[in-house]
C-alpha atoms as a PDB file:
ATOM      1  CA  UNK A   1     231.940  80.066   8.350  1.00  0.00           C
ATOM      2  CA  UNK A   2     230.695  82.988   6.089  1.00  0.00           C
ATOM      3  CA  UNK A   3     233.538  84.200   3.807  1.00  0.00           C
ATOM      4  CA  UNK A   4     233.416  87.329   1.923  1.00  0.00           C
ATOM      5  CA  UNK A   5     236.047  89.613   0.226  1.00  0.00           C
ATOM      6  CA  UNK A   6     236.508  93.273   0.749  1.00  0.00           C
ATOM      7  CA  UNK A   7     239.140  95.555  -0.897  1.00  0.00           C
ATOM      8  CA  UNK A   8     241.594  97.413   1.256  1.00  0.00           C
ATOM      9  CA  UNK A   9     243.678  99.559  -1.040  1.00  0.00           C
ATOM     10  CA  UNK A  10     244.953  97.328  -3.597  1.00  0.00           C
ATOM     11  CA  UNK A  11     244.598  94.314  -1.606  1.00  0.00           C
ATOM     12  CA  UNK A  12     241.539  91.937  -1.318  1.00  0.00           C
ATOM     13  CA  UNK A  13     240.927  90.568   2.163  1.00  0.00           C
ATOM     14  CA  UNK A  14     239.074  87.340   3.078  1.00  0.00           C
ATOM     15  CA  UNK A  15     236.924  88.327   5.995  1.00  0.00           C
ATOM     16  CA  UNK A  16     235.460  85.664   8.337  1.00  0.00           C
ATOM     17  CA  UNK A  17     232.207  85.689  10.270  1.00  0.00           C
ATOM     18  CA  UNK A  18     232.245  82.876  12.909  1.00  0.00           C
ATOM     19  CA  UNK A  19     229.848  84.586  15.687  1.00  0.00           C
ATOM     20  CA  UNK A  20     227.270  81.796  15.166  1.00  0.00           C
ATOM     21  CA  UNK A  21     230.002  79.218  15.651  1.00  0.00           C
ATOM     22  CA  UNK A  22     231.402  80.951  18.889  1.00  0.00           C
ATOM     23  CA  UNK A  23     228.115  81.937  20.332  1.00  0.00           C
ATOM     24  CA  UNK A  24     225.499  79.300  19.418  1.00  0.00           C
ATOM     25  CA  UNK A  25     223.368  80.372  22.391  1.00  0.00           C
ATOM     26  CA  UNK A  26     222.484  83.824  20.684  1.00  0.00           C
ATOM     27  CA  UNK A  27     218.872  84.105  19.328  1.00  0.00           C
ATOM     28  CA  UNK A  28     218.579  84.299  15.608  1.00  0.00           C
ATOM     29  CA  UNK A  29     217.388  87.796  15.941  1.00  0.00           C
ATOM     30  CA  UNK A  30     220.663  88.842  17.824  1.00  0.00           C
ATOM     31  CA  UNK A  31     222.791  86.808  15.082  1.00  0.00           C
ATOM     32  CA  UNK A  32     220.978  88.868  12.095  1.00  0.00           C
ATOM     33  CA  UNK A  33     221.496  92.195  14.001  1.00  0.00           C
ATOM     34  CA  UNK A  34     225.271  91.274  14.560  1.00  0.00           C
ATOM     35  CA  UNK A  35     225.543  90.198  11.070  1.00  0.00           C
ATOM     36  CA  UNK A  36     224.015  93.398   9.715  1.00  0.00           C
ATOM     37  CA  UNK A  37     226.077  95.498  11.993  1.00  0.00           C
ATOM     38  CA  UNK A  38     229.241  93.816  10.691  1.00  0.00           C
ATOM     39  CA  UNK A  39     228.174  94.605   7.100  1.00  0.00           C
ATOM     40  CA  UNK A  40     227.585  98.250   7.715  1.00  0.00           C
ATOM     41  CA  UNK A  41     230.854  98.390   9.644  1.00  0.00           C
ATOM     42  CA  UNK A  42     232.898  97.364   6.672  1.00  0.00           C
ATOM     43  CA  UNK A  43     230.815  99.440   4.215  1.00  0.00           C
ATOM     44  CA  UNK A  44     231.482 102.622   5.903  1.00  0.00           C
ATOM     45  CA  UNK A  45     235.065 101.862   7.327  1.00  0.00           C
ATOM     46  CA  UNK A  46     236.952 103.103   4.340  1.00  0.00           C
ATOM     47  CA  UNK A  47     235.521 106.735   4.488  1.00  0.00           C
ATOM     48  CA  UNK A  48     235.161 106.886   8.174  1.00  0.00           C
ATOM     49  CA  UNK A  49     238.321 104.887   9.671  1.00  0.00           C
ATOM     50  CA  UNK A  50     236.071 102.996  12.134  1.00  0.00           C
ATOM     51  CA  UNK A  51     238.407 100.073  12.789  1.00  0.00           C
ATOM     52  CA  UNK A  52     241.871  99.870  11.926  1.00  0.00           C
ATOM     53  CA  UNK A  53     243.008  97.909   8.595  1.00  0.00           C
ATOM     54  CA  UNK A  54     244.837  95.096  10.699  1.00  0.00           C
ATOM     55  CA  UNK A  55     241.701  94.183  12.385  1.00  0.00           C
ATOM     56  CA  UNK A  56     239.326  93.974   9.318  1.00  0.00           C
ATOM     57  CA  UNK A  57     239.751  90.314   8.274  1.00  0.00           C
ATOM     58  CA  UNK A  58     239.269  89.241  11.823  1.00  0.00           C
ATOM     59  CA  UNK A  59     236.769  91.924  12.996  1.00  0.00           C
ATOM     60  CA  UNK A  60     234.410  89.142  14.215  1.00  0.00           C
ATOM     61  CA  UNK A  61     237.012  88.419  16.833  1.00  0.00           C
ATOM     62  CA  UNK A  62     238.797  91.336  17.541  1.00  0.00           C
ATOM     63  CA  UNK A  63     235.418  93.781  17.956  1.00  0.00           C
ATOM     64  CA  UNK A  64     232.402  91.582  17.899  1.00  0.00           C
ATOM     65  CA  UNK A  65     233.527  88.664  20.222  1.00  0.00           C
ATOM     66  CA  UNK A  66     235.495  90.889  22.431  1.00  0.00           C
ATOM     67  CA  UNK A  67     232.356  93.211  23.065  1.00  0.00           C
ATOM     68  CA  UNK A  68     229.886  90.275  23.528  1.00  0.00           C
ATOM     69  CA  UNK A  69     232.119  88.522  25.963  1.00  0.00           C
ATOM     70  CA  UNK A  70     232.570  91.599  28.071  1.00  0.00           C
ATOM     71  CA  UNK A  71     228.829  92.913  27.843  1.00  0.00           C
ATOM     72  CA  UNK A  72     227.644  89.349  28.893  1.00  0.00           C
ATOM     73  CA  UNK A  73     229.959  89.769  32.099  1.00  0.00           C
ATOM     74  CA  UNK A  74     228.434  93.166  32.991  1.00  0.00           C
ATOM     75  CA  UNK A  75     224.889  92.034  32.257  1.00  0.00           C
ATOM     76  CA  UNK A  76     225.575  89.086  34.652  1.00  0.00           C
ATOM     77  CA  UNK A  77     226.982  91.068  37.415  1.00  0.00           C
ATOM     78  CA  UNK A  78     223.636  91.598  38.932  1.00  0.00           C
ATOM     79  CA  UNK A  79     223.444  95.358  38.830  1.00  0.00           C
ATOM     80  CA  UNK A  80     220.111  96.645  37.768  1.00  0.00           C
ATOM     81  CA  UNK A  81     221.376  98.617  34.804  1.00  0.00           C
ATOM     82  CA  UNK A  82     218.338 100.584  33.307  1.00  0.00           C
ATOM     83  CA  UNK A  83     220.371 103.077  31.225  1.00  0.00           C
ATOM     84  CA  UNK A  84     224.037 102.827  30.409  1.00  0.00           C
ATOM     85  CA  UNK A  85     226.276 105.623  28.621  1.00  0.00           C
ATOM     86  CA  UNK A  86     228.992 104.454  25.998  1.00  0.00           C
ATOM     87  CA  UNK A  87     231.691 107.041  26.595  1.00  0.00           C
ATOM     88  CA  UNK A  88     233.631 107.712  23.064  1.00  0.00           C
ATOM     89  CA  UNK A  89     231.358 105.308  21.295  1.00  0.00           C
ATOM     90  CA  UNK A  90     233.115 105.668  17.955  1.00  0.00           C
ATOM     91  CA  UNK A  91     232.421 102.936  16.054  1.00  0.00           C
ATOM     92  CA  UNK A  92     229.690 101.606  18.439  1.00  0.00           C
ATOM     93  CA  UNK A  93     231.714  98.957  20.317  1.00  0.00           C
ATOM     94  CA  UNK A  94     230.559  98.213  22.990  1.00  0.00           C
ATOM     95  CA  UNK A  95     227.462  99.909  23.266  1.00  0.00           C
ATOM     96  CA  UNK A  96     225.528  98.797  20.373  1.00  0.00           C
ATOM     97  CA  UNK A  97     226.459  95.200  21.495  1.00  0.00           C
ATOM     98  CA  UNK A  98     225.094  95.814  24.782  1.00  0.00           C
ATOM     99  CA  UNK A  99     221.985  97.187  23.329  1.00  0.00           C
ATOM    100  CA  UNK A 100     221.232  94.184  21.173  1.00  0.00           C
ATOM    101  CA  UNK A 101     222.083  91.705  24.149  1.00  0.00           C
ATOM    102  CA  UNK A 102     219.898  93.800  26.549  1.00  0.00           C
ATOM    103  CA  UNK A 103     217.079  95.290  24.886  1.00  0.00           C
ATOM    104  CA  UNK A 104     215.469  96.618  28.181  1.00  0.00           C
ATOM    105  CA  UNK A 105     218.584  98.860  28.904  1.00  0.00           C
ATOM    106  CA  UNK A 106     218.427 102.324  27.460  1.00  0.00           C
ATOM    107  CA  UNK A 107     221.849 102.762  25.787  1.00  0.00           C
ATOM    108  CA  UNK A 108     223.268 106.348  25.159  1.00  0.00           C
ATOM    109  CA  UNK A 109     226.125 106.487  22.585  1.00  0.00           C
ATOM    110  CA  UNK A 110     228.415 109.643  23.649  1.00  0.00           C
ATOM    111  CA  UNK A 111     230.549 110.542  20.513  1.00  0.00           C
ATOM    112  CA  UNK A 112     231.946 113.891  19.810  1.00  0.00           C
ATOM    113  CA  UNK A 113     233.297 113.012  16.054  1.00  0.00           C
ATOM    114  CA  UNK A 114     230.115 114.336  14.146  1.00  0.00           C
ATOM    115  CA  UNK A 115     230.704 111.845  11.317  1.00  0.00           C
ATOM    116  CA  UNK A 116     230.965 108.812  13.594  1.00  0.00           C
ATOM    117  CA  UNK A 117     227.808 109.973  15.476  1.00  0.00           C
ATOM    118  CA  UNK A 118     226.019 110.043  12.124  1.00  0.00           C
ATOM    119  CA  UNK A 119     227.340 106.664  11.552  1.00  0.00           C
ATOM    120  CA  UNK A 120     225.874 105.600  15.029  1.00  0.00           C
ATOM    121  CA  UNK A 121     222.587 107.155  13.964  1.00  0.00           C
ATOM    122  CA  UNK A 122     222.499 105.178  10.630  1.00  0.00           C
ATOM    123  CA  UNK A 123     223.178 101.764  12.245  1.00  0.00           C
ATOM    124  CA  UNK A 124     220.660 102.313  14.995  1.00  0.00           C
ATOM    125  CA  UNK A 125     218.130 103.193  12.312  1.00  0.00           C
ATOM    126  CA  UNK A 126     219.056 100.360  10.203  1.00  0.00           C
ATOM    127  CA  UNK A 127     218.916  97.906  12.879  1.00  0.00           C
ATOM    128  CA  UNK A 128     215.674  99.372  14.331  1.00  0.00           C
ATOM    129  CA  UNK A 129     217.125  99.596  17.788  1.00  0.00           C
ATOM    130  CA  UNK A 130     214.589 101.469  19.673  1.00  0.00           C
ATOM    131  CA  UNK A 131     216.647 101.420  23.054  1.00  0.00           C
ATOM    132  CA  UNK A 132     219.582 103.749  21.930  1.00  0.00           C
ATOM    133  CA  UNK A 133     220.079 107.535  21.733  1.00  0.00           C
ATOM    134  CA  UNK A 134     222.968 109.105  20.155  1.00  0.00           C
ATOM    135  CA  UNK A 135     224.825 112.358  21.923  1.00  0.00           C
ATOM    136  CA  UNK A 136     227.181 114.191  19.660  1.00  0.00           C
ATOM    137  CA  UNK A 137     229.010 115.766  22.290  1.00  0.00           C
ATOM    138  CA  UNK A 138     232.271 115.348  24.589  1.00  0.00           C
ATOM    139  CA  UNK A 139     231.648 113.347  27.844  1.00  0.00           C
ATOM    140  CA  UNK A 140     233.043 115.960  29.958  1.00  0.00           C
ATOM    141  CA  UNK A 141     230.076 118.366  28.803  1.00  0.00           C
ATOM    142  CA  UNK A 142     227.416 116.224  30.191  1.00  0.00           C
ATOM    143  CA  UNK A 143     225.287 117.475  33.202  1.00  0.00           C
ATOM    144  CA  UNK A 144     227.142 116.949  36.488  1.00  0.00           C
ATOM    145  CA  UNK A 145     226.075 113.856  38.219  1.00  0.00           C
ATOM    146  CA  UNK A 146     223.650 112.712  35.329  1.00  0.00           C
ATOM    147  CA  UNK A 147     225.205 109.275  34.867  1.00  0.00           C
ATOM    148  CA  UNK A 148     224.365 106.175  36.776  1.00  0.00           C
ATOM    149  CA  UNK A 149     226.087 103.603  34.731  1.00  0.00           C
ATOM    150  CA  UNK A 150     228.765 104.034  32.046  1.00  0.00           C
ATOM    151  CA  UNK A 151     231.062 101.922  29.921  1.00  0.00           C
ATOM    152  CA  UNK A 152     234.195 102.310  27.584  1.00  0.00           C
ATOM    153  CA  UNK A 153     236.317 100.390  25.142  1.00  0.00           C
ATOM    154  CA  UNK A 154     239.497 102.106  23.943  1.00  0.00           C
ATOM    155  CA  UNK A 155     238.278 105.522  25.343  1.00  0.00           C
ATOM    156  CA  UNK A 156     241.332 106.429  27.208  1.00  0.00           C
ATOM    157  CA  UNK A 157     243.632 104.956  30.026  1.00  0.00           C
ATOM    158  CA  UNK A 158     242.001 104.630  33.464  1.00  0.00           C
ATOM    159  CA  UNK A 159     243.559 107.738  34.895  1.00  0.00           C
ATOM    160  CA  UNK A 160     242.116 109.905  32.172  1.00  0.00           C
ATOM    161  CA  UNK A 161     238.949 108.151  31.983  1.00  0.00           C
ATOM    162  CA  UNK A 162     238.257 108.744  35.757  1.00  0.00           C
ATOM    163  CA  UNK A 163     239.357 112.056  35.620  1.00  0.00           C
ATOM    164  CA  UNK A 164     236.795 112.896  32.743  1.00  0.00           C
ATOM    165  CA  UNK A 165     233.943 110.926  34.437  1.00  0.00           C
ATOM    166  CA  UNK A 166     234.317 112.260  37.901  1.00  0.00           C
ATOM    167  CA  UNK A 167     231.990 114.900  37.531  1.00  0.00           C
ATOM    168  CA  UNK A 168     229.467 113.468  35.317  1.00  0.00           C
ATOM    169  CA  UNK A 169     228.987 110.320  37.174  1.00  0.00           C
ATOM    170  CA  UNK A 170     226.818 110.519  40.193  1.00  0.00           C
ATOM    171  CA  UNK A 171     228.164 109.285  43.780  1.00  0.00           C
ATOM    172  CA  UNK A 172     227.726 105.621  43.831  1.00  0.00           C
ATOM    173  CA  UNK A 173     227.741 105.241  39.980  1.00  0.00           C
ATOM    174  CA  UNK A 174     229.477 102.487  38.035  1.00  0.00           C
ATOM    175  CA  UNK A 175     231.890 102.875  35.193  1.00  0.00           C
ATOM    176  CA  UNK A 176     232.870  99.675  33.385  1.00  0.00           C
ATOM    177  CA  UNK A 177     236.239  99.570  31.694  1.00  0.00           C
ATOM    178  CA  UNK A 178     237.200  96.930  28.845  1.00  0.00           C
ATOM    179  CA  UNK A 179     240.957  96.267  29.277  1.00  0.00           C
ATOM    180  CA  UNK A 180     243.669  94.257  27.976  1.00  0.00           C
ATOM    181  CA  UNK A 181     246.443  92.270  30.095  1.00  0.00           C
ATOM    182  CA  UNK A 182     247.992  95.652  31.064  1.00  0.00           C
ATOM    183  CA  UNK A 183     244.830  96.723  33.282  1.00  0.00           C
ATOM    184  CA  UNK A 184     246.843  96.272  36.464  1.00  0.00           C
ATOM    185  CA  UNK A 185     249.614  98.695  35.367  1.00  0.00           C
ATOM    186  CA  UNK A 186     246.779 101.231  34.381  1.00  0.00           C
ATOM    187  CA  UNK A 187     245.373 100.971  38.050  1.00  0.00           C
ATOM    188  CA  UNK A 188     248.841 101.305  39.633  1.00  0.00           C
ATOM    189  CA  UNK A 189     249.367 104.434  37.555  1.00  0.00           C
ATOM    190  CA  UNK A 190     246.342 106.117  38.877  1.00  0.00           C
ATOM    191  CA  UNK A 191     247.215 109.363  40.976  1.00  0.00           C
ATOM    192  CA  UNK A 192     246.531 108.956  44.601  1.00  0.00           C
ATOM    193  CA  UNK A 193     244.274 112.056  44.587  1.00  0.00           C
ATOM    194  CA  UNK A 194     242.212 110.572  41.900  1.00  0.00           C
ATOM    195  CA  UNK A 195     241.959 107.125  43.803  1.00  0.00           C
ATOM    196  CA  UNK A 196     240.338 108.964  46.446  1.00  0.00           C
ATOM    197  CA  UNK A 197     237.197 109.291  44.503  1.00  0.00           C
ATOM    198  CA  UNK A 198     236.743 105.764  43.199  1.00  0.00           C
ATOM    199  CA  UNK A 199     236.534 102.360  44.507  1.00  0.00           C
ATOM    200  CA  UNK A 200     238.420 100.202  42.003  1.00  0.00           C
ATOM    201  CA  UNK A 201     238.161  96.364  41.435  1.00  0.00           C
ATOM    202  CA  UNK A 202     238.277  93.726  38.724  1.00  0.00           C
ATOM    203  CA  UNK A 203     234.930  92.448  37.889  1.00  0.00           C
ATOM    204  CA  UNK A 204     236.145  89.587  35.722  1.00  0.00           C
ATOM    205  CA  UNK A 205     238.527  88.192  32.990  1.00  0.00           C
ATOM    206  CA  UNK A 206     237.670  86.588  29.864  1.00  0.00           C
ATOM    207  CA  UNK A 207     239.825  84.852  26.684  1.00  0.00           C
ATOM    208  CA  UNK A 208     238.595  85.226  23.127  1.00  0.00           C
ATOM    209  CA  UNK A 209     237.610  82.163  21.043  1.00  0.00           C
ATOM    210  CA  UNK A 210     240.872  82.370  19.485  1.00  0.00           C
ATOM    211  CA  UNK A 211     244.122  83.356  21.359  1.00  0.00           C
ATOM    212  CA  UNK A 212     245.456  83.377  24.728  1.00  0.00           C
ATOM    213  CA  UNK A 213     245.243  87.291  25.766  1.00  0.00           C
ATOM    214  CA  UNK A 214     243.524  87.510  29.217  1.00  0.00           C
ATOM    215  CA  UNK A 215     241.217  90.478  28.737  1.00  0.00           C
ATOM    216  CA  UNK A 216     239.451  92.294  31.828  1.00  0.00           C
ATOM    217  CA  UNK A 217     236.553  94.071  33.015  1.00  0.00           C
ATOM    218  CA  UNK A 218     237.525  96.843  35.542  1.00  0.00           C
ATOM    219  CA  UNK A 219     234.624  97.947  37.641  1.00  0.00           C
ATOM    220  CA  UNK A 220     234.984 101.778  39.234  1.00  0.00           C
ATOM    221  CA  UNK A 221     232.577 102.833  41.567  1.00  0.00           C
ATOM    222  CA  UNK A 222     232.478 106.609  42.414  1.00  0.00           C
ATOM    223  CA  UNK A 223     232.595 106.955  46.261  1.00  0.00           C
ATOM    224  CA  UNK A 224     229.594 108.564  47.933  1.00  0.00           C
END
């Protein structure tokens, strides 16, 4: 474990980094990139509010581990994902994690907040990620039927996400949603009219290295 201190207000937090312990199969290069990303995330957090104060100490678990496990589940689903849009990328999760794990995939980070978009540009330059692109715009302003694959984490509930994505995804396009254990309730709340545009299924579940919450990857395919 690598420990360091960071000041949050008047209180110093002990911050853990356990990615190497939890994911020993990652390459040395991937571990180094994740570690640098973690350092830059903490450095800019006080000014940009990239992650919640309550998740700083365990950001390796809450943000990195979560995104690594979900992205590996999507990478292993046998879809040929040549380009992937991260809708509402914000702090870069999970798009930057996907870009590091799958360097042959072109990852487009879509973020309307200009300050956060600048942070994403900084991270991509710092990590020398050649397979990334940042679009500082709202998702719904993307050209109609221009997206083949998309992913989101904390972007919106399923109903709003699918409503926003309905025009920008091409027929047959896939939208992956990272969700907690309330995913089934979100599916049940999708309006019937909206369901007619999408095929919705559970791609897989995972549990983080610490804790018992069952996280889910929901796969939605736009009907042709």
